[in-house]
Amino acid sequence: MDDDELISVLPIHYSNSLSPNVHIHQFPLLSRPLQTPPAAAVSGKRIRARIKPITRRLEIHVPVDPRPEVWNGERSKELGAARQEDDREKNQDVGKMKQMEGEEPRLTEARMRSELMPQEGVYMLGVVRNGQLHLQPISETHQFRPTLTYLDIMSRKSRRSRGDAGSDEDSDGGPPPDPDEPPPVQTASKKEKKPLEVKEVQVSARKAADDKGNLQGGLSAVRREMLLAIRAEEDEVWEDLDFCDGETTEGHEAFEAVFSQNEEHLECKSDITAFLKGIKGL
């Protein structure tokens, strides 16, 4: 460390003027930015976004590249019909993507849906400009993944076309059976009724001393809460957002808002000991 020379000291400008609107959005893109493909942009297609503010769910709709060498137009009709049915089952309002009367549905966009990730500690956005480090707190982290739930619709139709509807319709009509609940009793067919013998039975009830007796009911309650949360999210209405990439005027204005122009000096009222004690796991 002796030869690790200190080159410069950067003054820090901290601001929370953009809070809570600074997020980390992670996308499964390795070789290109999140932008409209040129062939789709020529035809007027643009990236769209929407949010469910209560459940904090985001969706970004990216137009597909319609060039014949990379996209199967005939296949897109089948996929588009499946997505339309999937949207209808999940009460998803497609808004501007509703086709005109008589128009055949097509899959014209890839949808990426967010998953809110927990944050350990406080994340910061930092940009160095003119020898100064500007910091803004990050309030949320979202990971986006493609949504392919319409493939379940196609799989279900395929099974029905092969004559397997009898075994699948029951499972498609509702959630799978709860493994924590006892299976239903199978009643055997009665060939001959016999007279019942009357016996005196004494029954007593008591509260379990430990939590094991409530384990089965507790797990079932958790499962019901999960199903209710899923249904509440499906029933929540989407709100449209304006998507602006980094090359737009709005994108440049948002980037410039990161830099604080306030020259007020902050006074530190804690010492190094209190700071180290506040670090979790240290």
C-alpha atoms as a PDB file:
ATOM      1  CA  MET A   1       0.000   0.000   0.000  1.00  0.00           C
ATOM      2  CA  ASP A   2       2.995   2.304   0.325  1.00  0.00           C
ATOM      3  CA  ASP A   3       3.271   2.707  -3.453  1.00  0.00           C
ATOM      4  CA  ASP A   4      -0.487   3.378  -3.821  1.00  0.00           C
ATOM      5  CA  GLU A   5      -0.262   7.114  -4.337  1.00  0.00           C
ATOM      6  CA  LEU A   6      -3.213   9.373  -3.543  1.00  0.00           C
ATOM      7  CA  ILE A   7      -3.958  11.219  -6.784  1.00  0.00           C
ATOM      8  CA  SER A   8      -6.808  13.535  -5.803  1.00  0.00           C
ATOM      9  CA  VAL A   9      -9.604  14.158  -3.332  1.00  0.00           C
ATOM     10  CA  LEU A  10     -13.126  14.583  -4.685  1.00  0.00           C
ATOM     11  CA  PRO A  11     -15.687  16.751  -2.908  1.00  0.00           C
ATOM     12  CA  ILE A  12     -19.058  15.000  -2.500  1.00  0.00           C
ATOM     13  CA  HIS A  13     -22.352  16.615  -3.426  1.00  0.00           C
ATOM     14  CA  TYR A  14     -25.273  14.697  -1.889  1.00  0.00           C
ATOM     15  CA  SER A  15     -28.894  15.372  -2.844  1.00  0.00           C
ATOM     16  CA  ASN A  16     -32.195  13.560  -2.445  1.00  0.00           C
ATOM     17  CA  SER A  17     -34.112  15.910  -4.753  1.00  0.00           C
ATOM     18  CA  LEU A  18     -35.111  13.010  -7.050  1.00  0.00           C
ATOM     19  CA  SER A  19     -36.173  10.636  -4.263  1.00  0.00           C
ATOM     20  CA  PRO A  20     -38.064   8.274  -4.463  1.00  0.00           C
ATOM     21  CA  ASN A  21     -37.848   8.233  -8.264  1.00  0.00           C
ATOM     22  CA  VAL A  22     -34.313   6.890  -8.693  1.00  0.00           C
ATOM     23  CA  HIS A  23     -34.429   3.130  -9.364  1.00  0.00           C
ATOM     24  CA  ILE A  24     -32.078   0.412 -10.556  1.00  0.00           C
ATOM     25  CA  HIS A  25     -33.629  -1.454 -13.497  1.00  0.00           C
ATOM     26  CA  GLN A  26     -31.812  -4.616 -14.557  1.00  0.00           C
ATOM     27  CA  PHE A  27     -32.545  -6.188 -17.962  1.00  0.00           C
ATOM     28  CA  PRO A  28     -31.401  -9.468 -19.569  1.00  0.00           C
ATOM     29  CA  LEU A  29     -29.674  -7.616 -22.428  1.00  0.00           C
ATOM     30  CA  LEU A  30     -26.050  -8.467 -23.109  1.00  0.00           C
ATOM     31  CA  SER A  31     -25.179  -6.921 -26.464  1.00  0.00           C
ATOM     32  CA  ARG A  32     -27.453  -3.928 -27.051  1.00  0.00           C
ATOM     33  CA  PRO A  33     -29.175  -1.097 -25.150  1.00  0.00           C
ATOM     34  CA  LEU A  34     -32.883  -1.072 -24.375  1.00  0.00           C
ATOM     35  CA  GLN A  35     -34.010   0.678 -27.555  1.00  0.00           C
ATOM     36  CA  THR A  36     -36.576   0.149 -30.301  1.00  0.00           C
ATOM     37  CA  PRO A  37     -35.136  -1.959 -33.159  1.00  0.00           C
ATOM     38  CA  PRO A  38     -34.450   0.279 -36.193  1.00  0.00           C
ATOM     39  CA  ALA A  39     -36.827  -1.677 -38.445  1.00  0.00           C
ATOM     40  CA  ALA A  40     -39.654  -1.248 -35.907  1.00  0.00           C
ATOM     41  CA  ALA A  41     -38.837   2.436 -35.344  1.00  0.00           C
ATOM     42  CA  VAL A  42     -39.232   3.144 -39.074  1.00  0.00           C
ATOM     43  CA  SER A  43     -42.834   1.919 -38.894  1.00  0.00           C
ATOM     44  CA  GLY A  44     -43.566   4.193 -35.920  1.00  0.00           C
ATOM     45  CA  LYS A  45     -43.281   1.597 -33.131  1.00  0.00           C
ATOM     46  CA  ARG A  46     -42.036   2.816 -29.765  1.00  0.00           C
ATOM     47  CA  ILE A  47     -41.238   1.287 -26.393  1.00  0.00           C
ATOM     48  CA  ARG A  48     -44.124   1.582 -23.939  1.00  0.00           C
ATOM     49  CA  ALA A  49     -44.205   1.233 -20.166  1.00  0.00           C
ATOM     50  CA  ARG A  50     -46.847   0.886 -17.470  1.00  0.00           C
ATOM     51  CA  ILE A  51     -47.003   0.407 -13.698  1.00  0.00           C
ATOM     52  CA  LYS A  52     -49.236  -0.975 -10.969  1.00  0.00           C
ATOM     53  CA  PRO A  53     -48.445   1.561  -8.241  1.00  0.00           C
ATOM     54  CA  ILE A  54     -49.832  -0.403  -5.288  1.00  0.00           C
ATOM     55  CA  THR A  55     -48.013  -3.674  -5.957  1.00  0.00           C
ATOM     56  CA  ARG A  56     -44.993  -1.835  -7.444  1.00  0.00           C
ATOM     57  CA  ARG A  57     -45.054  -3.899 -10.617  1.00  0.00           C
ATOM     58  CA  LEU A  58     -43.582  -2.461 -13.805  1.00  0.00           C
ATOM     59  CA  GLU A  59     -43.881  -3.654 -17.388  1.00  0.00           C
ATOM     60  CA  ILE A  60     -41.911  -2.536 -20.445  1.00  0.00           C
ATOM     61  CA  HIS A  61     -43.157  -3.443 -23.925  1.00  0.00           C
ATOM     62  CA  VAL A  62     -40.405  -3.548 -26.551  1.00  0.00           C
ATOM     63  CA  PRO A  63     -41.430  -3.834 -30.238  1.00  0.00           C
ATOM     64  CA  VAL A  64     -40.022  -6.898 -31.992  1.00  0.00           C
ATOM     65  CA  ASP A  65     -37.753  -6.687 -35.011  1.00  0.00           C
ATOM     66  CA  PRO A  66     -40.199  -7.370 -37.905  1.00  0.00           C
ATOM     67  CA  ARG A  67     -37.587  -8.258 -40.530  1.00  0.00           C
ATOM     68  CA  PRO A  68     -38.450 -11.611 -42.179  1.00  0.00           C
ATOM     69  CA  GLU A  69     -34.932 -12.961 -41.655  1.00  0.00           C
ATOM     70  CA  VAL A  70     -35.287 -12.717 -37.864  1.00  0.00           C
ATOM     71  CA  TRP A  71     -39.071 -12.880 -37.300  1.00  0.00           C
ATOM     72  CA  ASN A  72     -41.718 -15.412 -38.332  1.00  0.00           C
ATOM     73  CA  GLY A  73     -44.822 -13.435 -39.240  1.00  0.00           C
ATOM     74  CA  GLU A  74     -47.099 -16.480 -39.487  1.00  0.00           C
ATOM     75  CA  ARG A  75     -45.989 -17.768 -36.120  1.00  0.00           C
ATOM     76  CA  SER A  76     -46.677 -14.341 -34.608  1.00  0.00           C
ATOM     77  CA  LYS A  77     -50.396 -14.783 -35.411  1.00  0.00           C
ATOM     78  CA  GLU A  78     -50.623 -17.921 -33.284  1.00  0.00           C
ATOM     79  CA  LEU A  79     -48.616 -16.346 -30.466  1.00  0.00           C
ATOM     80  CA  GLY A  80     -50.676 -13.148 -30.664  1.00  0.00           C
ATOM     81  CA  ALA A  81     -53.950 -15.047 -30.299  1.00  0.00           C
ATOM     82  CA  ALA A  82     -52.565 -16.879 -27.255  1.00  0.00           C
ATOM     83  CA  ARG A  83     -51.402 -13.629 -25.637  1.00  0.00           C
ATOM     84  CA  GLN A  84     -54.794 -12.019 -26.269  1.00  0.00           C
ATOM     85  CA  GLU A  85     -56.534 -14.883 -24.481  1.00  0.00           C
ATOM     86  CA  ASP A  86     -53.981 -14.764 -21.652  1.00  0.00           C
ATOM     87  CA  ASP A  87     -54.603 -11.015 -21.197  1.00  0.00           C
ATOM     88  CA  ARG A  88     -58.344 -11.593 -21.110  1.00  0.00           C
ATOM     89  CA  GLU A  89     -58.053 -14.301 -18.433  1.00  0.00           C
ATOM     90  CA  LYS A  90     -55.824 -12.114 -16.245  1.00  0.00           C
ATOM     91  CA  ASN A  91     -57.890  -8.916 -16.699  1.00  0.00           C
ATOM     92  CA  GLN A  92     -54.943  -7.244 -18.411  1.00  0.00           C
ATOM     93  CA  ASP A  93     -55.971  -4.090 -20.248  1.00  0.00           C
ATOM     94  CA  VAL A  94     -53.785  -3.909 -23.351  1.00  0.00           C
ATOM     95  CA  GLY A  95     -54.885  -0.307 -23.982  1.00  0.00           C
ATOM     96  CA  LYS A  96     -53.281   1.080 -27.119  1.00  0.00           C
ATOM     97  CA  MET A  97     -52.454  -2.385 -28.438  1.00  0.00           C
ATOM     98  CA  LYS A  98     -56.095  -3.298 -29.066  1.00  0.00           C
ATOM     99  CA  GLN A  99     -56.414  -4.176 -32.720  1.00  0.00           C
ATOM    100  CA  MET A 100     -59.005  -2.782 -35.067  1.00  0.00           C
ATOM    101  CA  GLU A 101     -62.252  -4.636 -35.715  1.00  0.00           C
ATOM    102  CA  GLY A 102     -61.612  -7.616 -37.972  1.00  0.00           C
ATOM    103  CA  GLU A 103     -57.835  -7.371 -37.585  1.00  0.00           C
ATOM    104  CA  GLU A 104     -56.086 -10.615 -36.739  1.00  0.00           C
ATOM    105  CA  PRO A 105     -54.091 -10.471 -33.464  1.00  0.00           C
ATOM    106  CA  ARG A 106     -50.320 -10.643 -33.791  1.00  0.00           C
ATOM    107  CA  LEU A 107     -47.436 -10.798 -31.364  1.00  0.00           C
ATOM    108  CA  THR A 108     -45.726  -7.474 -32.072  1.00  0.00           C
ATOM    109  CA  GLU A 109     -43.860  -6.809 -28.831  1.00  0.00           C
ATOM    110  CA  ALA A 110     -41.849  -8.484 -26.101  1.00  0.00           C
ATOM    111  CA  ARG A 111     -43.025  -7.757 -22.580  1.00  0.00           C
ATOM    112  CA  MET A 112     -40.630  -7.562 -19.662  1.00  0.00           C
ATOM    113  CA  ARG A 113     -42.099  -7.568 -16.174  1.00  0.00           C
ATOM    114  CA  SER A 114     -40.315  -6.413 -13.045  1.00  0.00           C
ATOM    115  CA  GLU A 115     -39.689  -8.127  -9.744  1.00  0.00           C
ATOM    116  CA  LEU A 116     -39.017  -5.826  -6.789  1.00  0.00           C
ATOM    117  CA  MET A 117     -35.754  -6.912  -5.156  1.00  0.00           C
ATOM    118  CA  PRO A 118     -34.929  -6.289  -1.478  1.00  0.00           C
ATOM    119  CA  GLN A 119     -32.090  -3.859  -0.820  1.00  0.00           C
ATOM    120  CA  GLU A 120     -29.425  -4.517   1.784  1.00  0.00           C
ATOM    121  CA  GLY A 121     -28.433  -1.168   3.194  1.00  0.00           C
ATOM    122  CA  VAL A 122     -28.629   2.025   1.130  1.00  0.00           C
ATOM    123  CA  TYR A 123     -27.771   2.090  -2.579  1.00  0.00           C
ATOM    124  CA  MET A 124     -26.480   5.273  -4.168  1.00  0.00           C
ATOM    125  CA  LEU A 125     -26.236   6.579  -7.713  1.00  0.00           C
ATOM    126  CA  GLY A 126     -22.882   8.283  -8.183  1.00  0.00           C
ATOM    127  CA  VAL A 127     -21.629  10.376 -11.109  1.00  0.00           C
ATOM    128  CA  VAL A 128     -18.283  12.153 -11.292  1.00  0.00           C
ATOM    129  CA  ARG A 129     -18.357  15.488 -13.132  1.00  0.00           C
ATOM    130  CA  ASN A 130     -15.838  18.331 -13.091  1.00  0.00           C
ATOM    131  CA  GLY A 131     -13.883  16.755 -10.254  1.00  0.00           C
ATOM    132  CA  GLN A 132     -16.927  16.354  -8.009  1.00  0.00           C
ATOM    133  CA  LEU A 133     -18.832  13.214  -6.952  1.00  0.00           C
ATOM    134  CA  HIS A 134     -22.612  13.673  -7.081  1.00  0.00           C
ATOM    135  CA  LEU A 135     -24.740  11.184  -5.113  1.00  0.00           C
ATOM    136  CA  GLN A 136     -28.467  10.432  -5.220  1.00  0.00           C
ATOM    137  CA  PRO A 137     -30.140   7.708  -3.061  1.00  0.00           C
ATOM    138  CA  ILE A 138     -31.696   4.757  -4.898  1.00  0.00           C
ATOM    139  CA  SER A 139     -35.097   3.821  -3.505  1.00  0.00           C
ATOM    140  CA  GLU A 140     -35.967   0.611  -5.427  1.00  0.00           C
ATOM    141  CA  THR A 141     -34.261  -2.161  -7.398  1.00  0.00           C
ATOM    142  CA  HIS A 142     -36.202  -4.023 -10.092  1.00  0.00           C
ATOM    143  CA  GLN A 143     -35.184  -7.050 -12.135  1.00  0.00           C
ATOM    144  CA  PHE A 144     -36.991  -7.415 -15.459  1.00  0.00           C
ATOM    145  CA  ARG A 145     -37.640 -10.742 -17.157  1.00  0.00           C
ATOM    146  CA  PRO A 146     -39.613 -11.621 -20.287  1.00  0.00           C
ATOM    147  CA  THR A 147     -43.201 -12.738 -19.631  1.00  0.00           C
ATOM    148  CA  LEU A 148     -44.106 -15.880 -21.576  1.00  0.00           C
ATOM    149  CA  THR A 149     -47.336 -16.855 -19.815  1.00  0.00           C
ATOM    150  CA  TYR A 150     -49.144 -16.978 -23.168  1.00  0.00           C
ATOM    151  CA  LEU A 151     -47.180 -20.174 -23.895  1.00  0.00           C
ATOM    152  CA  ASP A 152     -49.232 -21.851 -21.147  1.00  0.00           C
ATOM    153  CA  ILE A 153     -52.348 -21.075 -23.187  1.00  0.00           C
ATOM    154  CA  MET A 154     -50.816 -22.714 -26.251  1.00  0.00           C
ATOM    155  CA  SER A 155     -49.729 -25.745 -24.231  1.00  0.00           C
ATOM    156  CA  ARG A 156     -53.220 -26.125 -22.805  1.00  0.00           C
ATOM    157  CA  LYS A 157     -54.781 -25.975 -26.266  1.00  0.00           C
ATOM    158  CA  SER A 158     -52.273 -28.517 -27.536  1.00  0.00           C
ATOM    159  CA  ARG A 159     -53.138 -30.979 -24.785  1.00  0.00           C
ATOM    160  CA  ARG A 160     -56.847 -30.557 -25.446  1.00  0.00           C
ATOM    161  CA  SER A 161     -56.370 -31.168 -29.154  1.00  0.00           C
ATOM    162  CA  ARG A 162     -54.694 -34.486 -28.308  1.00  0.00           C
ATOM    163  CA  GLY A 163     -57.709 -35.567 -26.284  1.00  0.00           C
ATOM    164  CA  ASP A 164     -56.259 -34.924 -22.826  1.00  0.00           C
ATOM    165  CA  ALA A 165     -58.840 -32.313 -21.870  1.00  0.00           C
ATOM    166  CA  GLY A 166     -60.406 -34.528 -19.253  1.00  0.00           C
ATOM    167  CA  SER A 167     -57.262 -34.583 -17.154  1.00  0.00           C
ATOM    168  CA  ASP A 168     -56.356 -30.914 -17.640  1.00  0.00           C
ATOM    169  CA  GLU A 169     -59.607 -29.006 -17.354  1.00  0.00           C
ATOM    170  CA  ASP A 170     -59.869 -29.720 -13.662  1.00  0.00           C
ATOM    171  CA  SER A 171     -56.396 -28.341 -13.024  1.00  0.00           C
ATOM    172  CA  ASP A 172     -56.970 -25.294 -15.231  1.00  0.00           C
ATOM    173  CA  GLY A 173     -60.171 -24.317 -13.447  1.00  0.00           C
ATOM    174  CA  GLY A 174     -58.435 -23.234 -10.257  1.00  0.00           C
ATOM    175  CA  PRO A 175     -55.290 -23.390  -8.109  1.00  0.00           C
ATOM    176  CA  PRO A 176     -53.624 -26.756  -7.464  1.00  0.00           C
ATOM    177  CA  PRO A 177     -54.619 -28.683  -4.338  1.00  0.00           C
ATOM    178  CA  ASP A 178     -52.975 -27.579  -1.122  1.00  0.00           C
ATOM    179  CA  PRO A 179     -50.390 -30.198  -0.070  1.00  0.00           C
ATOM    180  CA  ASP A 180     -50.878 -29.157   3.550  1.00  0.00           C
ATOM    181  CA  GLU A 181     -54.567 -30.030   3.586  1.00  0.00           C
ATOM    182  CA  PRO A 182     -55.715 -33.613   4.066  1.00  0.00           C
ATOM    183  CA  PRO A 183     -56.811 -35.301   0.839  1.00  0.00           C
ATOM    184  CA  PRO A 184     -60.537 -35.740   0.296  1.00  0.00           C
ATOM    185  CA  VAL A 185     -61.957 -38.976   1.577  1.00  0.00           C
ATOM    186  CA  GLN A 186     -62.771 -41.417  -1.199  1.00  0.00           C
ATOM    187  CA  THR A 187     -66.162 -42.946  -0.436  1.00  0.00           C
ATOM    188  CA  ALA A 188     -66.572 -46.434  -1.748  1.00  0.00           C
ATOM    189  CA  SER A 189     -69.807 -47.388  -3.402  1.00  0.00           C
ATOM    190  CA  LYS A 190     -72.171 -49.077  -1.006  1.00  0.00           C
ATOM    191  CA  LYS A 191     -73.548 -52.350  -2.248  1.00  0.00           C
ATOM    192  CA  GLU A 192     -75.663 -53.165   0.778  1.00  0.00           C
ATOM    193  CA  LYS A 193     -76.626 -51.067   3.749  1.00  0.00           C
ATOM    194  CA  LYS A 194     -76.136 -52.707   7.114  1.00  0.00           C
ATOM    195  CA  PRO A 195     -77.801 -51.584  10.319  1.00  0.00           C
ATOM    196  CA  LEU A 196     -75.560 -49.265  12.315  1.00  0.00           C
ATOM    197  CA  GLU A 197     -74.558 -50.194  15.812  1.00  0.00           C
ATOM    198  CA  VAL A 198     -75.105 -47.355  18.279  1.00  0.00           C
ATOM    199  CA  LYS A 199     -72.225 -46.690  20.640  1.00  0.00           C
ATOM    200  CA  GLU A 200     -71.671 -44.047  23.281  1.00  0.00           C
ATOM    201  CA  VAL A 201     -68.625 -41.895  22.547  1.00  0.00           C
ATOM    202  CA  GLN A 202     -67.078 -39.296  24.846  1.00  0.00           C
ATOM    203  CA  VAL A 203     -65.314 -36.405  23.109  1.00  0.00           C
ATOM    204  CA  SER A 204     -63.115 -33.782  24.761  1.00  0.00           C
ATOM    205  CA  ALA A 205     -61.335 -30.830  23.170  1.00  0.00           C
ATOM    206  CA  ARG A 206     -58.143 -29.174  24.340  1.00  0.00           C
ATOM    207  CA  LYS A 207     -55.750 -26.572  23.044  1.00  0.00           C
ATOM    208  CA  ALA A 208     -52.435 -27.863  21.834  1.00  0.00           C
ATOM    209  CA  ALA A 209     -49.529 -27.035  24.094  1.00  0.00           C
ATOM    210  CA  ASP A 210     -47.165 -26.330  21.233  1.00  0.00           C
ATOM    211  CA  ASP A 211     -47.392 -24.853  17.766  1.00  0.00           C
ATOM    212  CA  LYS A 212     -47.279 -28.165  15.918  1.00  0.00           C
ATOM    213  CA  GLY A 213     -51.019 -28.542  16.059  1.00  0.00           C
ATOM    214  CA  ASN A 214     -51.477 -25.244  14.233  1.00  0.00           C
ATOM    215  CA  LEU A 215     -48.839 -25.930  11.577  1.00  0.00           C
ATOM    216  CA  GLN A 216     -51.220 -27.367   8.994  1.00  0.00           C
ATOM    217  CA  GLY A 217     -53.774 -24.593   9.320  1.00  0.00           C
ATOM    218  CA  GLY A 218     -51.034 -21.960   9.395  1.00  0.00           C
ATOM    219  CA  LEU A 219     -49.495 -23.110   6.125  1.00  0.00           C
ATOM    220  CA  SER A 220     -52.894 -23.199   4.491  1.00  0.00           C
ATOM    221  CA  ALA A 221     -53.538 -19.649   5.668  1.00  0.00           C
ATOM    222  CA  VAL A 222     -50.228 -18.505   4.164  1.00  0.00           C
ATOM    223  CA  ARG A 223     -51.150 -20.139   0.883  1.00  0.00           C
ATOM    224  CA  ARG A 224     -54.532 -18.428   0.871  1.00  0.00           C
ATOM    225  CA  GLU A 225     -52.856 -15.072   1.500  1.00  0.00           C
ATOM    226  CA  MET A 226     -50.534 -15.680  -1.460  1.00  0.00           C
ATOM    227  CA  LEU A 227     -53.467 -16.481  -3.729  1.00  0.00           C
ATOM    228  CA  LEU A 228     -55.312 -13.371  -2.548  1.00  0.00           C
ATOM    229  CA  ALA A 229     -52.217 -11.249  -3.231  1.00  0.00           C
ATOM    230  CA  ILE A 230     -51.957 -12.674  -6.755  1.00  0.00           C
ATOM    231  CA  ARG A 231     -55.621 -11.979  -7.408  1.00  0.00           C
ATOM    232  CA  ALA A 232     -55.334  -8.436  -6.003  1.00  0.00           C
ATOM    233  CA  GLU A 233     -52.420  -7.736  -8.344  1.00  0.00           C
ATOM    234  CA  GLU A 234     -54.335  -9.056 -11.342  1.00  0.00           C
ATOM    235  CA  ASP A 235     -57.312  -6.861 -10.459  1.00  0.00           C
ATOM    236  CA  GLU A 236     -55.219  -3.705 -10.057  1.00  0.00           C
ATOM    237  CA  VAL A 237     -55.408  -1.385 -13.046  1.00  0.00           C
ATOM    238  CA  TRP A 238     -52.286  -0.573 -15.053  1.00  0.00           C
ATOM    239  CA  GLU A 239     -51.247   3.074 -15.363  1.00  0.00           C
ATOM    240  CA  ASP A 240     -49.385   4.129 -18.519  1.00  0.00           C
ATOM    241  CA  LEU A 241     -45.935   5.685 -18.270  1.00  0.00           C
ATOM    242  CA  ASP A 242     -43.890   7.648 -20.809  1.00  0.00           C
ATOM    243  CA  PHE A 243     -40.728   5.735 -21.711  1.00  0.00           C
ATOM    244  CA  CYS A 244     -37.743   7.991 -22.501  1.00  0.00           C
ATOM    245  CA  ASP A 245     -34.351   6.476 -23.284  1.00  0.00           C
ATOM    246  CA  GLY A 246     -31.054   8.228 -22.733  1.00  0.00           C
ATOM    247  CA  GLU A 247     -30.967   9.826 -26.190  1.00  0.00           C
ATOM    248  CA  THR A 248     -34.192  11.810 -25.793  1.00  0.00           C
ATOM    249  CA  THR A 249     -34.550  15.366 -24.553  1.00  0.00           C
ATOM    250  CA  GLU A 250     -36.429  14.144 -21.482  1.00  0.00           C
ATOM    251  CA  GLY A 251     -33.620  11.686 -20.771  1.00  0.00           C
ATOM    252  CA  HIS A 252     -30.988  14.426 -20.892  1.00  0.00           C
ATOM    253  CA  GLU A 253     -33.067  16.628 -18.576  1.00  0.00           C
ATOM    254  CA  ALA A 254     -33.462  13.795 -16.066  1.00  0.00           C
ATOM    255  CA  PHE A 255     -29.716  13.149 -16.167  1.00  0.00           C
ATOM    256  CA  GLU A 256     -28.902  16.803 -15.535  1.00  0.00           C
ATOM    257  CA  ALA A 257     -31.241  16.797 -12.520  1.00  0.00           C
ATOM    258  CA  VAL A 258     -28.873  14.342 -10.814  1.00  0.00           C
ATOM    259  CA  PHE A 259     -26.265  17.064 -10.280  1.00  0.00           C
ATOM    260  CA  SER A 260     -26.781  19.293  -7.284  1.00  0.00           C
ATOM    261  CA  GLN A 261     -26.052  22.994  -7.549  1.00  0.00           C
ATOM    262  CA  ASN A 262     -26.270  23.540  -3.795  1.00  0.00           C
ATOM    263  CA  GLU A 263     -22.932  24.568  -2.268  1.00  0.00           C
ATOM    264  CA  GLU A 264     -24.088  24.311   1.349  1.00  0.00           C
ATOM    265  CA  HIS A 265     -21.613  22.344   3.481  1.00  0.00           C
ATOM    266  CA  LEU A 266     -22.953  19.486   5.579  1.00  0.00           C
ATOM    267  CA  GLU A 267     -21.743  19.194   9.151  1.00  0.00           C
ATOM    268  CA  CYS A 268     -20.919  15.711  10.421  1.00  0.00           C
ATOM    269  CA  LYS A 269     -22.322  15.175  13.930  1.00  0.00           C
ATOM    270  CA  SER A 270     -21.192  11.564  14.431  1.00  0.00           C
ATOM    271  CA  ASP A 271     -17.721  10.137  15.067  1.00  0.00           C
ATOM    272  CA  ILE A 272     -15.977   7.169  13.472  1.00  0.00           C
ATOM    273  CA  THR A 273     -16.853   4.894  16.417  1.00  0.00           C
ATOM    274  CA  ALA A 274     -20.605   5.414  16.031  1.00  0.00           C
ATOM    275  CA  PHE A 275     -20.260   4.912  12.298  1.00  0.00           C
ATOM    276  CA  LEU A 276     -18.483   1.560  12.660  1.00  0.00           C
ATOM    277  CA  LYS A 277     -20.976   0.339  15.271  1.00  0.00           C
ATOM    278  CA  GLY A 278     -23.819   1.077  12.867  1.00  0.00           C
ATOM    279  CA  ILE A 279     -22.440  -1.285  10.213  1.00  0.00           C
ATOM    280  CA  LYS A 280     -24.408  -4.528  10.368  1.00  0.00           C
ATOM    281  CA  GLY A 281     -22.292  -7.658  10.791  1.00  0.00           C
ATOM    282  CA  LEU A 282     -19.053  -5.784  11.512  1.00  0.00           C
END
